[in-house]
Structures are given as structure tokens and as C-alpha cells.
Amino acid sequence: MRFELTWDKDNPEAELSAIVVAYHEALTAALEALAEEKGTEDLAWFDQLHQASIKAAKGTVADGLPIEVDASAVRLGFETLDRDFKSIRTSLLKGE
């Protein structure tokens, strides 16, 4: 399935920042719901999902961008996702 994102080209930083925040909140809610079902005693399920998500993110491309810009953007995307997963994992372990 192809996912296309459009945004206001006159204000991309604000719109893309809002998208990142929305995705963070959605990811947090989804992982917290999974943790309620699966528990937090053994987070192997979480770690497997984390690795699968990073692998999927690394495989993305942005059409219409120069290769070096695309590579940098994809790297930033999966690094952000990685940090988000690590932060959520820490919160789950602390019971927050």
C-alpha cells in the first residue's frame, strides 16, 4: 500500500512537526495498549516490534527528492522512531 503525504509547502516545518507529534502520541497509545494485553514482565514482543518498525522505516523512500536529501531524511526518520521506542520502553518499565 502506498502512503502519500501532502502538506502546506509555505509552512512545512510547523506542519511536519505536528505530524511527528501526532504519530508519537498514536504510537505511545498503541504500545501502551499492547503492553496492557501482553504485559511488561517480558518485553520480547516489544523489542521484536521495535526492530521490525526500524527495519520498515529504513526501507522507505521519498519520491522527488535528491538521493542525499532522501537518505538524510530517512535516517532522521528511523532515528526518531528508534528514540521514541526506547523512550516508551523505559516508561513501560517504570510503570508510567
N, C-alpha and C. Protein backbone atom coordinates (compact mmCIF):
# COMPACT_ATOMS: atom_id res chain seq x y z
N MET A 1 0.84 -1.16 0.00
CA MET A 1 0.00 0.00 0.00
C MET A 1 0.89 1.24 0.00
N ARG A 2 0.60 2.16 -0.83
CA ARG A 2 1.38 3.38 -0.96
C ARG A 2 0.79 4.46 -0.05
N PHE A 3 1.65 5.13 0.67
CA PHE A 3 1.24 6.22 1.57
C PHE A 3 1.82 7.51 1.02
N GLU A 4 0.96 8.46 0.78
CA GLU A 4 1.42 9.76 0.30
C GLU A 4 1.01 10.82 1.30
N LEU A 5 1.90 11.73 1.54
CA LEU A 5 1.67 12.80 2.50
C LEU A 5 1.77 14.13 1.77
N THR A 6 0.78 14.96 1.98
CA THR A 6 0.84 16.32 1.42
C THR A 6 0.77 17.31 2.58
N TRP A 7 1.41 18.44 2.41
CA TRP A 7 1.42 19.45 3.44
C TRP A 7 1.56 20.80 2.77
N ASP A 8 1.33 21.84 3.56
CA ASP A 8 1.42 23.21 3.09
C ASP A 8 2.89 23.55 2.85
N LYS A 9 3.25 23.72 1.61
CA LYS A 9 4.64 24.00 1.25
C LYS A 9 5.12 25.35 1.76
N ASP A 10 4.19 26.24 2.16
CA ASP A 10 4.57 27.55 2.70
C ASP A 10 4.92 27.47 4.19
N ASN A 11 4.55 26.37 4.84
CA ASN A 11 4.79 26.25 6.27
C ASN A 11 5.13 24.80 6.63
N PRO A 12 6.12 24.21 5.96
CA PRO A 12 6.36 22.78 6.15
C PRO A 12 6.88 22.40 7.53
N GLU A 13 7.70 23.24 8.14
CA GLU A 13 8.27 22.88 9.44
C GLU A 13 7.18 22.69 10.48
N ALA A 14 6.25 23.63 10.55
CA ALA A 14 5.18 23.54 11.54
C ALA A 14 4.28 22.34 11.27
N GLU A 15 3.92 22.13 10.02
CA GLU A 15 3.04 21.02 9.69
C GLU A 15 3.71 19.68 9.91
N LEU A 16 4.95 19.54 9.49
CA LEU A 16 5.65 18.27 9.69
C LEU A 16 5.93 18.02 11.17
N SER A 17 6.19 19.07 11.94
CA SER A 17 6.36 18.92 13.38
C SER A 17 5.08 18.41 14.03
N ALA A 18 3.96 18.94 13.62
CA ALA A 18 2.66 18.49 14.15
C ALA A 18 2.41 17.03 13.79
N ILE A 19 2.82 16.62 12.60
CA ILE A 19 2.67 15.23 12.19
C ILE A 19 3.50 14.32 13.08
N VAL A 20 4.73 14.71 13.36
CA VAL A 20 5.60 13.90 14.21
C VAL A 20 4.99 13.76 15.60
N VAL A 21 4.48 14.84 16.16
CA VAL A 21 3.87 14.80 17.48
C VAL A 21 2.63 13.89 17.46
N ALA A 22 1.82 14.00 16.43
CA ALA A 22 0.62 13.14 16.33
C ALA A 22 1.01 11.67 16.24
N TYR A 23 2.02 11.35 15.44
CA TYR A 23 2.47 9.96 15.33
C TYR A 23 3.06 9.47 16.65
N HIS A 24 3.79 10.31 17.34
CA HIS A 24 4.34 9.92 18.64
C HIS A 24 3.22 9.55 19.61
N GLU A 25 2.21 10.40 19.68
CA GLU A 25 1.09 10.14 20.60
C GLU A 25 0.35 8.86 20.21
N ALA A 26 0.15 8.65 18.91
CA ALA A 26 -0.53 7.43 18.45
C ALA A 26 0.30 6.19 18.74
N LEU A 27 1.61 6.26 18.49
CA LEU A 27 2.50 5.14 18.76
C LEU A 27 2.51 4.82 20.26
N THR A 28 2.59 5.84 21.07
CA THR A 28 2.59 5.64 22.52
C THR A 28 1.29 4.96 22.96
N ALA A 29 0.16 5.44 22.49
CA ALA A 29 -1.13 4.85 22.87
C ALA A 29 -1.22 3.40 22.43
N ALA A 30 -0.79 3.11 21.21
CA ALA A 30 -0.85 1.74 20.69
C ALA A 30 0.06 0.81 21.49
N LEU A 31 1.27 1.25 21.80
CA LEU A 31 2.19 0.40 22.55
C LEU A 31 1.76 0.22 23.99
N GLU A 32 1.17 1.24 24.58
CA GLU A 32 0.65 1.09 25.94
C GLU A 32 -0.52 0.11 25.97
N ALA A 33 -1.37 0.15 24.95
CA ALA A 33 -2.49 -0.80 24.87
C ALA A 33 -1.96 -2.23 24.70
N LEU A 34 -0.96 -2.40 23.86
CA LEU A 34 -0.34 -3.72 23.70
C LEU A 34 0.30 -4.19 25.01
N ALA A 35 0.92 -3.29 25.72
CA ALA A 35 1.56 -3.65 26.99
C ALA A 35 0.52 -4.10 28.01
N GLU A 36 -0.66 -3.50 27.98
CA GLU A 36 -1.73 -3.94 28.88
C GLU A 36 -2.15 -5.37 28.56
N GLU A 37 -2.17 -5.72 27.28
CA GLU A 37 -2.56 -7.06 26.86
C GLU A 37 -1.44 -8.08 27.08
N LYS A 38 -0.23 -7.71 26.72
CA LYS A 38 0.90 -8.65 26.73
C LYS A 38 1.72 -8.62 28.01
N GLY A 39 1.59 -7.55 28.76
CA GLY A 39 2.35 -7.42 30.00
C GLY A 39 3.73 -6.81 29.76
N THR A 40 4.36 -6.47 30.87
CA THR A 40 5.69 -5.85 30.79
C THR A 40 6.76 -6.66 31.52
N GLU A 41 6.39 -7.85 31.97
CA GLU A 41 7.38 -8.73 32.61
C GLU A 41 8.48 -9.12 31.62
N ASP A 42 8.06 -9.48 30.42
CA ASP A 42 8.98 -9.88 29.35
C ASP A 42 8.64 -9.02 28.14
N LEU A 43 9.52 -8.11 27.81
CA LEU A 43 9.25 -7.19 26.69
C LEU A 43 9.85 -7.68 25.37
N ALA A 44 9.99 -8.99 25.22
CA ALA A 44 10.50 -9.53 23.95
C ALA A 44 9.58 -9.13 22.80
N TRP A 45 8.28 -9.15 23.03
CA TRP A 45 7.32 -8.75 21.99
C TRP A 45 7.56 -7.30 21.58
N PHE A 46 7.86 -6.45 22.56
CA PHE A 46 8.11 -5.03 22.31
C PHE A 46 9.39 -4.86 21.49
N ASP A 47 10.42 -5.58 21.89
CA ASP A 47 11.70 -5.49 21.19
C ASP A 47 11.60 -5.98 19.75
N GLN A 48 10.82 -7.04 19.52
CA GLN A 48 10.62 -7.55 18.16
C GLN A 48 9.88 -6.52 17.31
N LEU A 49 8.85 -5.91 17.89
CA LEU A 49 8.11 -4.87 17.17
C LEU A 49 8.99 -3.66 16.89
N HIS A 50 9.82 -3.30 17.85
CA HIS A 50 10.76 -2.20 17.70
C HIS A 50 11.67 -2.45 16.49
N GLN A 51 12.30 -3.62 16.46
CA GLN A 51 13.22 -3.95 15.37
C GLN A 51 12.50 -4.02 14.02
N ALA A 52 11.30 -4.59 13.99
CA ALA A 52 10.54 -4.66 12.74
C ALA A 52 10.17 -3.26 12.25
N SER A 53 9.85 -2.37 13.18
CA SER A 53 9.50 -0.99 12.82
C SER A 53 10.69 -0.24 12.27
N ILE A 54 11.85 -0.42 12.88
CA ILE A 54 13.08 0.23 12.39
C ILE A 54 13.42 -0.29 11.00
N LYS A 55 13.32 -1.59 10.81
CA LYS A 55 13.61 -2.18 9.50
C LYS A 55 12.68 -1.61 8.44
N ALA A 56 11.40 -1.50 8.77
CA ALA A 56 10.43 -0.94 7.81
C ALA A 56 10.74 0.52 7.51
N ALA A 57 11.09 1.27 8.54
CA ALA A 57 11.39 2.70 8.35
C ALA A 57 12.63 2.89 7.49
N LYS A 58 13.63 2.03 7.68
CA LYS A 58 14.86 2.14 6.89
C LYS A 58 14.60 1.86 5.41
N GLY A 59 13.55 1.14 5.12
CA GLY A 59 13.25 0.78 3.73
C GLY A 59 12.39 1.79 3.00
N THR A 60 12.12 2.93 3.61
CA THR A 60 11.26 3.91 2.96
C THR A 60 12.05 4.82 2.03
N VAL A 61 11.35 5.41 1.10
CA VAL A 61 11.94 6.39 0.20
C VAL A 61 10.96 7.54 0.02
N ALA A 62 11.46 8.69 -0.28
CA ALA A 62 10.63 9.85 -0.55
C ALA A 62 10.80 10.21 -2.03
N ASP A 63 9.74 10.10 -2.77
CA ASP A 63 9.80 10.41 -4.20
C ASP A 63 10.07 11.89 -4.42
N GLY A 64 10.87 12.17 -5.43
CA GLY A 64 11.10 13.54 -5.85
C GLY A 64 12.18 14.28 -5.10
N LEU A 65 12.91 13.59 -4.23
CA LEU A 65 14.00 14.25 -3.50
C LEU A 65 15.33 13.77 -4.04
N PRO A 66 16.34 14.63 -4.01
CA PRO A 66 17.68 14.17 -4.36
C PRO A 66 18.10 13.05 -3.41
N ILE A 67 18.89 12.11 -3.89
CA ILE A 67 19.26 10.93 -3.12
C ILE A 67 19.87 11.26 -1.77
N GLU A 68 20.75 12.29 -1.71
CA GLU A 68 21.38 12.63 -0.43
C GLU A 68 20.37 13.22 0.56
N VAL A 69 19.40 13.97 0.06
CA VAL A 69 18.35 14.53 0.93
C VAL A 69 17.45 13.40 1.42
N ASP A 70 17.09 12.50 0.51
CA ASP A 70 16.25 11.35 0.87
C ASP A 70 16.94 10.51 1.93
N ALA A 71 18.22 10.20 1.73
CA ALA A 71 18.96 9.38 2.69
C ALA A 71 19.02 10.04 4.06
N SER A 72 19.26 11.32 4.10
CA SER A 72 19.31 12.05 5.36
C SER A 72 17.95 12.07 6.05
N ALA A 73 16.90 12.29 5.27
CA ALA A 73 15.54 12.34 5.83
C ALA A 73 15.12 10.98 6.37
N VAL A 74 15.41 9.92 5.63
CA VAL A 74 15.07 8.57 6.09
C VAL A 74 15.85 8.24 7.36
N ARG A 75 17.12 8.59 7.40
CA ARG A 75 17.94 8.35 8.60
C ARG A 75 17.34 9.08 9.80
N LEU A 76 16.98 10.34 9.63
CA LEU A 76 16.37 11.09 10.71
C LEU A 76 15.05 10.43 11.14
N GLY A 77 14.29 9.96 10.17
CA GLY A 77 13.02 9.30 10.48
C GLY A 77 13.20 8.06 11.33
N PHE A 78 14.10 7.16 10.93
CA PHE A 78 14.24 5.94 11.72
C PHE A 78 14.97 6.19 13.03
N GLU A 79 15.85 7.18 13.09
CA GLU A 79 16.47 7.52 14.38
C GLU A 79 15.45 8.08 15.35
N THR A 80 14.53 8.89 14.84
CA THR A 80 13.45 9.42 15.68
C THR A 80 12.55 8.29 16.17
N LEU A 81 12.21 7.38 15.28
CA LEU A 81 11.39 6.23 15.66
C LEU A 81 12.10 5.38 16.71
N ASP A 82 13.39 5.16 16.52
CA ASP A 82 14.18 4.37 17.46
C ASP A 82 14.17 5.02 18.85
N ARG A 83 14.42 6.32 18.90
CA ARG A 83 14.41 7.03 20.18
C ARG A 83 13.03 6.97 20.84
N ASP A 84 11.99 7.07 20.01
CA ASP A 84 10.62 7.01 20.53
C ASP A 84 10.36 5.65 21.18
N PHE A 85 10.71 4.58 20.48
CA PHE A 85 10.53 3.24 21.04
C PHE A 85 11.31 3.10 22.35
N LYS A 86 12.54 3.57 22.38
CA LYS A 86 13.35 3.45 23.60
C LYS A 86 12.74 4.23 24.75
N SER A 87 12.22 5.40 24.47
CA SER A 87 11.58 6.21 25.50
C SER A 87 10.31 5.53 26.03
N ILE A 88 9.51 5.00 25.12
CA ILE A 88 8.28 4.32 25.52
C ILE A 88 8.61 3.06 26.32
N ARG A 89 9.64 2.33 25.91
CA ARG A 89 10.05 1.13 26.64
C ARG A 89 10.43 1.49 28.08
N THR A 90 11.19 2.55 28.24
CA THR A 90 11.59 2.99 29.56
C THR A 90 10.37 3.34 30.41
N SER A 91 9.41 4.04 29.81
CA SER A 91 8.18 4.39 30.52
C SER A 91 7.39 3.16 30.94
N LEU A 92 7.33 2.16 30.07
CA LEU A 92 6.61 0.93 30.40
C LEU A 92 7.28 0.22 31.58
N LEU A 93 8.60 0.18 31.57
CA LEU A 93 9.32 -0.49 32.65
C LEU A 93 9.14 0.25 33.99
N LYS A 94 9.03 1.56 33.92
CA LYS A 94 8.85 2.35 35.13
C LYS A 94 7.39 2.36 35.58
N GLY A 95 6.49 1.85 34.71
CA GLY A 95 5.07 1.84 35.05
C GLY A 95 4.41 3.19 34.96
N GLU A 96 4.92 4.03 34.10
CA GLU A 96 4.35 5.39 33.96
C GLU A 96 3.17 5.39 33.02
